[in-house]
Amino acid sequence: NLRGHPLSISGLQTWLALPERMEEIDPAFAHTAKTELPLFSAEGASGRVVIGSMGGITSPVKSFSETMYVDLTLQPHARFPFDATQEERALYVLEGEIEIAGDRFAADQLLVFRAGDEITLVGGAQGCHVMLFGGAAMDSQKFIWWNFVSSSKERIEQAKEEWRTGRFDIVPGDEEEFVPLPEGR
């Protein structure tokens, strides 16, 4: 609640790291309308493929590595297989409760699965809304600090100094507000 009123929107911010060879490409922005994201539905499961591919359905959103990012809603007790061919897989429970192998998980939980494990998702008594993540493992270790992600700690230090001294490119549309680096890091 904000000042005693319920919030009318919520969001999930997701970062998708680039393969190491593409980390220094020029920044770009592309908007994909919700209506352009492919829908699917089957036996109590429905959703959209936001990035990448799932079950032969491919999103128009550009990605630089094998990726699966899916917005999924399950009706109460609906079953949905989570494809084991993805090298890395996880899900985040947005609303409701999900059951996996007899265990129940409520909203605001991130679940990470072992490669190759057969997973069937089951909607809880009230159903659930989840985000599915998956894809190929990254080609290098990634480091994250605030808004900076890189396979090089040195590059993150360089970006911090560029931000601090005003040499970092201005984010388009955000010319009037400067957010300083977090203190003590």
Protein backbone atom coordinates (compact mmCIF):
# COMPACT_ATOMS: atom_id res chain seq x y z
CA ASN A 1 0.00 0.00 0.00
CA LEU A 2 1.06 3.54 -0.72
CA ARG A 3 -0.42 6.06 1.70
CA GLY A 4 -3.26 3.70 2.54
CA HIS A 5 -4.24 2.87 -1.05
CA PRO A 6 -3.65 -0.43 -2.81
CA LEU A 7 -1.12 -0.41 -5.64
CA SER A 8 -2.64 -0.74 -9.10
CA ILE A 9 0.47 -2.15 -10.80
CA SER A 10 3.40 -4.35 -9.96
CA GLY A 11 6.46 -5.38 -11.89
CA LEU A 12 9.37 -7.77 -12.09
CA GLN A 13 12.66 -6.32 -13.29
CA THR A 14 14.81 -8.87 -15.08
CA TRP A 15 18.36 -8.52 -16.33
CA LEU A 16 19.61 -10.72 -19.15
CA ALA A 17 23.40 -10.82 -19.30
CA LEU A 18 25.14 -10.80 -22.66
CA PRO A 19 27.66 -13.39 -23.81
CA GLU A 20 31.20 -12.17 -23.07
CA ARG A 21 32.00 -11.41 -26.73
CA MET A 22 29.02 -9.00 -26.87
CA GLU A 23 29.41 -7.20 -23.53
CA GLU A 24 30.75 -4.00 -25.09
CA ILE A 25 28.24 -3.62 -27.93
CA ASP A 26 26.55 -0.27 -28.39
CA PRO A 27 23.53 0.24 -26.15
CA ALA A 28 20.15 -0.16 -27.81
CA PHE A 29 16.49 0.06 -26.92
CA ALA A 30 13.61 -1.74 -28.56
CA HIS A 31 9.99 -1.79 -27.46
CA THR A 32 7.90 -4.89 -28.08
CA ALA A 33 4.19 -4.45 -27.42
CA LYS A 34 2.47 -7.03 -25.25
CA THR A 35 0.24 -7.87 -28.21
CA GLU A 36 3.31 -8.91 -30.22
CA LEU A 37 4.36 -11.54 -27.66
CA PRO A 38 3.05 -14.97 -28.65
CA LEU A 39 0.33 -16.53 -26.49
CA PHE A 40 -0.15 -20.20 -25.65
CA SER A 41 -2.78 -22.15 -23.75
CA ALA A 42 -3.41 -25.80 -23.03
CA GLU A 43 -5.22 -27.74 -20.30
CA GLY A 44 -5.38 -25.06 -17.58
CA ALA A 45 -2.07 -23.39 -18.49
CA SER A 46 -1.76 -20.13 -20.37
CA GLY A 47 0.82 -17.47 -20.92
CA ARG A 48 3.19 -15.57 -23.17
CA VAL A 49 6.68 -16.22 -24.43
CA VAL A 50 8.42 -12.94 -23.54
CA ILE A 51 11.98 -13.74 -24.68
CA GLY A 52 13.35 -16.74 -26.55
CA SER A 53 11.46 -19.92 -27.30
CA MET A 54 9.34 -22.53 -25.58
CA GLY A 55 7.60 -25.51 -27.12
CA GLY A 56 8.08 -24.28 -30.69
CA ILE A 57 6.77 -20.77 -29.91
CA THR A 58 9.29 -17.95 -30.38
CA SER A 59 9.16 -14.37 -29.14
CA PRO A 60 10.08 -11.52 -31.50
CA VAL A 61 12.28 -9.96 -28.76
CA LYS A 62 15.94 -10.01 -29.80
CA SER A 63 18.25 -12.06 -27.59
CA PHE A 64 21.93 -12.89 -27.94
CA SER A 65 21.95 -16.39 -26.45
CA GLU A 66 19.62 -19.36 -26.08
CA THR A 67 16.96 -18.04 -23.71
CA MET A 68 13.50 -18.87 -22.41
CA TYR A 69 11.53 -16.28 -20.43
CA VAL A 70 7.85 -17.11 -20.06
CA ASP A 71 4.92 -15.55 -18.21
CA LEU A 72 2.78 -18.54 -17.10
CA THR A 73 -0.57 -18.78 -15.31
CA LEU A 74 -1.81 -22.13 -14.03
CA GLN A 75 -5.42 -22.74 -13.05
CA PRO A 76 -6.01 -24.64 -9.77
CA HIS A 77 -4.36 -28.08 -9.92
CA ALA A 78 -3.39 -27.67 -13.62
CA ARG A 79 -0.21 -29.51 -14.58
CA PHE A 80 2.54 -28.11 -16.80
CA PRO A 81 5.83 -29.84 -17.73
CA PHE A 82 8.89 -27.59 -17.41
CA ASP A 83 11.10 -28.67 -20.32
CA ALA A 84 14.25 -30.41 -19.06
CA THR A 85 16.21 -29.68 -22.25
CA GLN A 86 17.09 -26.18 -21.03
CA GLU A 87 20.58 -26.25 -19.52
CA GLU A 88 19.60 -23.82 -16.76
CA ARG A 89 16.06 -23.36 -15.41
CA ALA A 90 14.37 -21.43 -12.66
CA LEU A 91 10.99 -19.95 -11.81
CA TYR A 92 9.74 -17.08 -9.72
CA VAL A 93 6.34 -17.33 -8.03
CA LEU A 94 4.49 -14.03 -8.51
CA GLU A 95 1.07 -14.97 -7.10
CA GLY A 96 -0.61 -18.00 -5.60
CA GLU A 97 1.05 -21.26 -4.76
CA ILE A 98 2.80 -23.84 -6.93
CA GLU A 99 3.47 -27.49 -6.20
CA ILE A 100 6.55 -29.34 -7.42
CA ALA A 101 7.21 -32.98 -6.53
CA GLY A 102 4.82 -32.71 -3.57
CA ASP A 103 6.42 -29.53 -2.15
CA ARG A 104 4.49 -26.26 -2.12
CA PHE A 105 5.96 -22.83 -2.72
CA ALA A 106 4.19 -19.50 -2.16
CA ALA A 107 4.60 -16.12 -3.84
CA ASP A 108 7.89 -14.21 -3.81
CA GLN A 109 10.10 -17.29 -4.05
CA LEU A 110 12.77 -18.07 -6.64
CA LEU A 111 13.31 -21.76 -7.38
CA VAL A 112 16.37 -22.99 -9.29
CA PHE A 113 16.35 -26.50 -10.78
CA ARG A 114 19.12 -28.99 -11.53
CA ALA A 115 19.91 -29.54 -15.18
CA GLY A 116 18.09 -32.55 -16.64
CA ASP A 117 15.60 -33.05 -13.78
CA GLU A 118 12.08 -33.75 -15.04
CA ILE A 119 9.85 -31.10 -13.44
CA THR A 120 6.06 -30.88 -13.53
CA LEU A 121 4.53 -27.69 -12.21
CA VAL A 122 1.13 -27.98 -10.53
CA GLY A 123 -1.07 -24.98 -9.79
CA GLY A 124 -2.08 -24.63 -6.14
CA ALA A 125 -5.66 -24.61 -4.84
CA GLN A 126 -6.13 -21.02 -6.08
CA GLY A 127 -3.88 -21.41 -9.13
CA CYS A 128 -0.67 -19.45 -9.60
CA HIS A 129 1.17 -16.94 -11.72
CA VAL A 130 4.89 -17.59 -12.31
CA MET A 131 7.76 -16.51 -14.51
CA LEU A 132 9.83 -19.29 -16.06
CA PHE A 133 13.50 -18.69 -16.88
CA GLY A 134 15.86 -20.90 -18.80
CA GLY A 135 18.52 -21.23 -21.42
CA ALA A 136 22.12 -22.03 -22.10
CA ALA A 137 24.68 -21.45 -19.37
CA MET A 138 26.71 -18.27 -19.79
CA ASP A 139 30.13 -18.55 -21.38
CA SER A 140 31.90 -16.83 -18.47
CA GLN A 141 31.37 -15.89 -14.83
CA LYS A 142 29.39 -12.67 -14.39
CA PHE A 143 29.79 -10.05 -11.69
CA ILE A 144 27.09 -7.57 -10.73
CA TRP A 145 27.39 -4.35 -8.78
CA TRP A 146 24.42 -1.98 -8.68
CA ASN A 147 23.46 -1.45 -12.36
CA PHE A 148 26.70 -2.83 -13.80
CA VAL A 149 27.17 -6.40 -15.02
CA SER A 150 30.36 -7.74 -16.59
CA SER A 151 32.60 -10.77 -16.81
CA SER A 152 35.39 -8.47 -15.58
CA LYS A 153 35.61 -6.95 -12.10
CA GLU A 154 38.04 -4.41 -13.56
CA ARG A 155 35.42 -3.31 -16.12
CA ILE A 156 32.90 -2.78 -13.33
CA GLU A 157 35.40 -0.60 -11.46
CA GLN A 158 35.98 1.38 -14.67
CA ALA A 159 32.21 1.84 -15.16
CA LYS A 160 31.85 3.02 -11.55
CA GLU A 161 34.55 5.66 -12.11
CA GLU A 162 32.96 6.74 -15.42
CA TRP A 163 29.58 7.09 -13.69
CA ARG A 164 31.08 8.96 -10.72
CA THR A 165 32.93 11.45 -12.97
CA GLY A 166 30.13 11.98 -15.51
CA ARG A 167 31.89 10.22 -18.40
CA PHE A 168 29.28 7.44 -18.52
CA ASP A 169 26.82 7.96 -21.38
CA ILE A 170 23.52 9.50 -20.29
CA VAL A 171 20.57 7.16 -20.38
CA PRO A 172 18.27 8.45 -23.16
CA GLY A 173 15.18 10.11 -21.69
CA ASP A 174 16.84 10.45 -18.29
CA GLU A 175 18.92 13.59 -18.89
CA GLU A 176 17.44 15.58 -15.99
CA GLU A 177 17.93 13.17 -13.10
CA PHE A 178 21.33 11.91 -12.03
CA VAL A 179 21.40 9.03 -9.56
CA PRO A 180 24.72 8.92 -7.69
CA LEU A 181 26.56 5.67 -7.05
CA PRO A 182 25.50 3.93 -3.85
CA GLU A 183 27.75 4.85 -0.92
CA GLY A 184 30.26 2.52 0.70
CA ARG A 185 30.67 0.00 -2.08
